[in-house]
Amino acid sequence: MQKITESESNHQGLDQMSTLELLTNINREDAKVHAAVHAEIPRIEAFVDAAYLRLKEGGRLFYIGAGTSGRLGIVDASECPPTFGVPFDLVIGIIAGGDKAIRKAVEFAEDDRQQAWKDLSEYKIDSNDVLVGIAASGSTPYVLGGIEEANANGILTCGISCNPESPLSKTAKHAIAPIVGPEFVTGSTRMKSGTAQKLVLNMISTSLMIKLGRVKGNRMVDMQLSNDKLVDRGTKMVMAELHISYEEAKSLLLKYGSVREAVENFK
């Protein structure tokens, strides 16, 4: 069966297009991603609610993928601690080929069906945890092998692909598959498929962090104060919440280390 992600581009003669034509047509294709992700909200909701039950009891969230998909998982995982102040081992991203594959492709790493479980086992993954397999095609052996072993070990699994009838969608306990259609450059899933995957990951991790109490109102009250911009942002949050001066708010923030602690310890 022809994979949607490998189907012929809707556009011909890309090498003959002007810069304006290239940009306009890429943007026209990108505009389809929003609707594709929106259609998956019921399935995203079901997974987030199931994952939350595990995480609130101390479970962890794992992402596995190869190539672009693996890198997207690592990006999402790595942004959770500074944004939400959670431990670095709460959300873990793993890429086929190891960390060196983040910057440079590792040949044939995605073809090893057993390696993902070996990688996950280094973290002592167990039935309290949650595993998300990310693969635009939905057929990456590395991801499929990891999901299959996770299922066998009672771990909650989810597959994010852009082919709804893919092996990944059929294997994972929860399947999320935005149908974005053919890529502008035929088969280049770093484009629309990658954008859709990034949006879904944003929705999953952000929703989970909010449900876990890491946001108050609409504020990142547990963010790490890792640079001057974030100290300034946190200071203004404390000012707005406590109705005090900038200087007093900054002093409280730096003393207690987070917006939440500064506000809760104000007397």
Protein backbone atom coordinates (compact mmCIF):
# COMPACT_ATOMS: atom_id res chain seq x y z
CA MET A 1 0.00 0.00 0.00
CA GLN A 2 1.29 3.44 -0.95
CA LYS A 3 2.23 5.51 2.11
CA ILE A 4 0.77 8.99 2.16
CA THR A 5 4.14 10.31 3.30
CA GLU A 6 5.82 8.81 0.21
CA SER A 7 3.21 9.87 -2.34
CA GLU A 8 3.99 12.20 -5.22
CA SER A 9 4.14 15.92 -4.47
CA ASN A 10 1.19 18.05 -5.53
CA HIS A 11 3.71 20.32 -7.26
CA GLN A 12 5.79 19.62 -10.35
CA GLY A 13 8.90 21.35 -11.67
CA LEU A 14 10.17 22.61 -8.32
CA ASP A 15 13.58 23.28 -9.84
CA GLN A 16 11.97 25.64 -12.36
CA MET A 17 10.10 27.76 -9.82
CA SER A 18 11.07 31.26 -8.78
CA THR A 19 11.90 31.97 -5.15
CA LEU A 20 8.46 33.51 -4.66
CA GLU A 21 6.76 30.47 -6.18
CA LEU A 22 8.76 28.11 -3.97
CA LEU A 23 7.96 30.01 -0.79
CA THR A 24 4.29 30.50 -1.67
CA ASN A 25 3.77 26.84 -2.51
CA ILE A 26 5.60 25.59 0.58
CA ASN A 27 3.45 27.90 2.70
CA ARG A 28 0.31 26.69 0.91
CA GLU A 29 1.19 23.11 1.82
CA ASP A 30 2.07 24.04 5.41
CA ALA A 31 -1.37 25.60 5.82
CA LYS A 32 -2.87 22.10 5.62
CA VAL A 33 -1.12 20.94 8.77
CA HIS A 34 -3.35 22.80 11.23
CA ALA A 35 -6.53 21.09 10.05
CA ALA A 36 -4.82 17.69 10.01
CA VAL A 37 -3.73 18.05 13.64
CA HIS A 38 -7.11 19.46 14.67
CA ALA A 39 -8.80 16.31 13.37
CA GLU A 40 -6.67 14.24 15.76
CA ILE A 41 -7.63 16.11 18.94
CA PRO A 42 -9.99 13.37 20.22
CA ARG A 43 -7.17 10.81 19.95
CA ILE A 44 -4.64 13.22 21.49
CA GLU A 45 -7.09 13.87 24.34
CA ALA A 46 -7.53 10.16 25.06
CA PHE A 47 -3.78 9.64 25.19
CA VAL A 48 -3.06 12.70 27.37
CA ASP A 49 -5.70 11.62 29.89
CA ALA A 50 -4.28 8.08 30.02
CA ALA A 51 -0.68 9.32 30.29
CA TYR A 52 -1.58 11.77 33.05
CA LEU A 53 -2.81 8.93 35.25
CA ARG A 54 0.65 7.34 35.02
CA LEU A 55 2.69 10.53 35.41
CA LYS A 56 0.79 11.79 38.43
CA GLU A 57 1.72 8.55 40.19
CA GLY A 58 5.42 8.99 39.43
CA GLY A 59 5.66 7.55 35.92
CA ARG A 60 7.89 9.01 33.21
CA LEU A 61 7.27 9.98 29.59
CA PHE A 62 9.61 8.55 26.95
CA TYR A 63 9.92 9.48 23.28
CA ILE A 64 11.68 7.27 20.72
CA GLY A 65 12.30 8.00 17.06
CA ALA A 66 14.85 8.05 14.26
CA GLY A 67 16.11 10.98 12.19
CA THR A 68 13.85 14.04 12.25
CA SER A 69 11.27 12.25 14.39
CA GLY A 70 13.87 11.36 17.01
CA ARG A 71 15.23 14.89 17.07
CA LEU A 72 11.75 16.32 17.57
CA GLY A 73 11.24 14.08 20.58
CA ILE A 74 14.56 15.15 22.07
CA VAL A 75 13.73 18.83 21.55
CA ASP A 76 10.38 18.46 23.28
CA ALA A 77 11.85 16.48 26.17
CA SER A 78 14.77 18.86 26.67
CA GLU A 79 12.49 21.89 26.87
CA CYS A 80 10.32 20.56 29.70
CA PRO A 81 12.76 21.10 32.62
CA PRO A 82 13.58 24.77 31.87
CA THR A 83 10.00 25.63 30.95
CA PHE A 84 8.16 23.80 33.71
CA GLY A 85 10.82 23.17 36.34
CA VAL A 86 10.40 19.38 36.23
CA PRO A 87 13.27 16.93 36.81
CA PHE A 88 15.41 16.12 33.77
CA ASP A 89 14.39 12.46 33.96
CA LEU A 90 10.63 13.04 33.79
CA VAL A 91 10.48 13.42 30.00
CA ILE A 92 13.19 11.52 28.13
CA GLY A 93 13.90 11.63 24.40
CA ILE A 94 15.86 8.83 22.73
CA ILE A 95 17.05 8.79 19.12
CA ALA A 96 18.15 5.81 17.05
CA GLY A 97 21.93 5.85 16.84
CA GLY A 98 22.41 7.63 20.17
CA ASP A 99 23.17 11.26 20.93
CA LYS A 100 25.62 11.58 18.03
CA ALA A 101 22.63 11.10 15.70
CA ILE A 102 21.15 14.38 16.92
CA ARG A 103 23.58 16.29 14.70
CA LYS A 104 24.64 13.73 12.12
CA ALA A 105 22.66 10.85 10.64
CA VAL A 106 23.80 7.39 11.73
CA GLU A 107 23.47 4.96 8.83
CA PHE A 108 20.98 2.12 9.27
CA ALA A 109 20.38 2.93 12.97
CA GLU A 110 16.64 3.05 12.38
CA ASP A 111 16.63 -0.48 10.91
CA ASP A 112 17.55 -2.26 14.16
CA ARG A 113 14.31 -3.61 15.62
CA GLN A 114 15.86 -4.62 18.95
CA GLN A 115 17.90 -1.52 19.76
CA ALA A 116 15.10 0.72 21.03
CA TRP A 117 14.25 -1.66 23.85
CA LYS A 118 17.93 -1.93 24.75
CA ASP A 119 18.11 1.88 24.87
CA LEU A 120 14.95 2.11 26.97
CA SER A 121 16.15 -0.60 29.34
CA GLU A 122 19.12 1.56 30.29
CA TYR A 123 16.58 3.85 31.96
CA LYS A 124 14.87 0.89 33.69
CA ILE A 125 11.58 1.66 31.96
CA ASP A 126 8.65 -0.17 33.55
CA SER A 127 4.87 -0.45 33.60
CA ASN A 128 4.50 2.87 35.45
CA ASP A 129 5.94 4.71 32.44
CA VAL A 130 4.61 5.94 29.10
CA LEU A 131 6.23 5.48 25.68
CA VAL A 132 5.59 7.54 22.55
CA GLY A 133 6.97 6.24 19.28
CA ILE A 134 7.44 8.93 16.63
CA ALA A 135 7.78 7.94 12.96
CA ALA A 136 6.33 9.89 10.05
CA SER A 137 6.08 6.75 7.93
CA GLY A 138 4.79 4.65 10.81
CA SER A 139 7.03 1.78 9.74
CA THR A 140 10.45 2.52 11.25
CA PRO A 141 11.79 -0.79 12.68
CA TYR A 142 13.56 0.91 15.61
CA VAL A 143 10.30 2.50 16.75
CA LEU A 144 8.10 -0.52 16.06
CA GLY A 145 10.40 -2.83 18.01
CA GLY A 146 10.36 -0.49 21.00
CA ILE A 147 6.58 -0.17 20.97
CA GLU A 148 6.08 -3.93 20.68
CA GLU A 149 8.34 -4.65 23.66
CA ALA A 150 6.70 -1.88 25.67
CA ASN A 151 3.26 -3.35 24.99
CA ALA A 152 4.50 -6.75 26.14
CA ASN A 153 5.74 -5.18 29.39
CA GLY A 154 2.50 -3.40 30.26
CA ILE A 155 3.71 0.08 29.34
CA LEU A 156 1.22 2.61 27.96
CA THR A 157 2.15 3.25 24.32
CA CYS A 158 1.33 5.86 21.71
CA GLY A 159 2.36 6.12 18.07
CA ILE A 160 2.61 9.44 16.22
CA SER A 161 2.80 9.07 12.44
CA CYS A 162 1.28 10.61 9.34
CA ASN A 163 -0.04 7.34 7.89
CA PRO A 164 -3.22 6.23 9.70
CA GLU A 165 -3.04 2.63 8.45
CA SER A 166 0.65 2.20 9.27
CA PRO A 167 2.11 -0.62 11.39
CA LEU A 168 2.78 1.91 14.15
CA SER A 169 -0.86 3.02 14.26
CA LYS A 170 -1.93 -0.61 14.45
CA THR A 171 0.62 -1.58 17.11
CA ALA A 172 0.52 1.29 19.61
CA LYS A 173 -2.28 1.35 22.18
CA HIS A 174 -3.00 4.95 21.18
CA ALA A 175 -2.56 6.09 17.58
CA ILE A 176 -2.28 9.73 16.52
CA ALA A 177 -1.94 10.21 12.76
CA PRO A 178 -2.46 13.68 11.24
CA ILE A 179 -3.03 13.23 7.51
CA VAL A 180 -1.01 16.09 6.04
CA GLY A 181 -0.86 14.69 2.51
CA PRO A 182 2.11 14.56 0.12
CA GLU A 183 5.19 16.58 0.98
CA PHE A 184 6.22 19.57 -1.16
CA VAL A 185 9.45 17.70 -1.97
CA THR A 186 8.25 14.13 -2.47
CA GLY A 187 9.01 12.04 0.62
CA SER A 188 10.71 14.85 2.58
CA THR A 189 8.93 14.24 5.87
CA ARG A 190 11.01 16.87 7.68
CA MET A 191 8.50 19.30 6.19
CA LYS A 192 4.72 18.94 6.77
CA SER A 193 4.98 15.65 8.64
CA GLY A 194 7.68 17.06 10.92
CA THR A 195 5.62 20.18 11.57
CA ALA A 196 2.58 18.08 12.46
CA GLN A 197 4.62 15.90 14.81
CA LYS A 198 6.07 18.96 16.52
CA LEU A 199 2.59 20.41 17.05
CA VAL A 200 1.31 17.15 18.52
CA LEU A 201 4.31 16.86 20.87
CA ASN A 202 3.76 20.45 21.99
CA MET A 203 0.13 19.61 22.78
CA ILE A 204 0.99 16.42 24.66
CA SER A 205 3.78 17.76 26.86
CA THR A 206 2.20 21.15 27.54
CA SER A 207 -1.17 19.64 28.45
CA LEU A 208 0.49 17.12 30.75
CA MET A 209 2.59 19.77 32.48
CA ILE A 210 -0.47 21.95 33.06
CA LYS A 211 -2.45 19.00 34.42
CA LEU A 212 0.48 18.17 36.71
CA GLY A 213 0.22 21.66 38.21
CA ARG A 214 3.27 23.22 36.54
CA VAL A 215 1.35 26.26 35.27
CA LYS A 216 -0.69 28.70 37.33
CA GLY A 217 -3.24 30.69 35.35
CA ASN A 218 -1.22 31.04 32.18
CA ARG A 219 2.17 31.50 33.82
CA MET A 220 5.26 29.28 33.84
CA VAL A 221 5.64 29.66 37.58
CA ASP A 222 8.24 26.89 37.91
CA MET A 223 10.49 27.88 35.00
CA GLN A 224 14.24 27.79 35.58
CA LEU A 225 15.86 31.21 35.98
CA SER A 226 18.67 30.36 33.57
CA ASN A 227 19.25 33.77 31.95
CA ASP A 228 18.55 37.48 32.41
CA LYS A 229 15.48 37.37 30.15
CA LEU A 230 13.83 34.72 32.31
CA VAL A 231 14.76 36.52 35.53
CA ASP A 232 13.13 39.65 34.14
CA ARG A 233 10.03 37.68 33.05
CA GLY A 234 9.78 36.02 36.44
CA THR A 235 10.21 39.33 38.24
CA LYS A 236 7.31 40.84 36.31
CA MET A 237 5.16 37.81 37.15
CA VAL A 238 5.87 38.29 40.85
CA MET A 239 5.18 42.05 40.54
CA ALA A 240 1.81 41.41 38.90
CA GLU A 241 0.80 38.77 41.44
CA LEU A 242 1.87 40.60 44.60
CA HIS A 243 1.52 44.23 43.46
CA ILE A 244 5.01 45.16 44.60
CA SER A 245 7.91 47.05 43.02
CA TYR A 246 10.25 45.54 40.43
CA GLU A 247 13.19 45.65 42.82
CA GLU A 248 11.29 43.93 45.64
CA ALA A 249 9.90 41.32 43.25
CA LYS A 250 13.34 40.54 41.82
CA SER A 251 14.82 40.21 45.30
CA LEU A 252 12.11 37.72 46.28
CA LEU A 253 12.51 35.80 43.05
CA LEU A 254 16.25 35.40 43.40
CA LYS A 255 15.92 34.48 47.07
CA TYR A 256 13.40 31.69 46.52
CA GLY A 257 14.41 30.57 43.02
CA SER A 258 11.02 30.44 41.32
CA VAL A 259 7.91 32.53 40.80
CA ARG A 260 5.81 29.98 42.69
CA GLU A 261 8.08 29.97 45.75
CA ALA A 262 8.46 33.74 45.73
CA VAL A 263 4.70 34.28 45.75
CA GLU A 264 3.96 31.54 48.29
CA ASN A 265 6.62 32.81 50.72
CA PHE A 266 5.76 36.52 50.48
CA LYS A 267 4.80 38.02 53.81
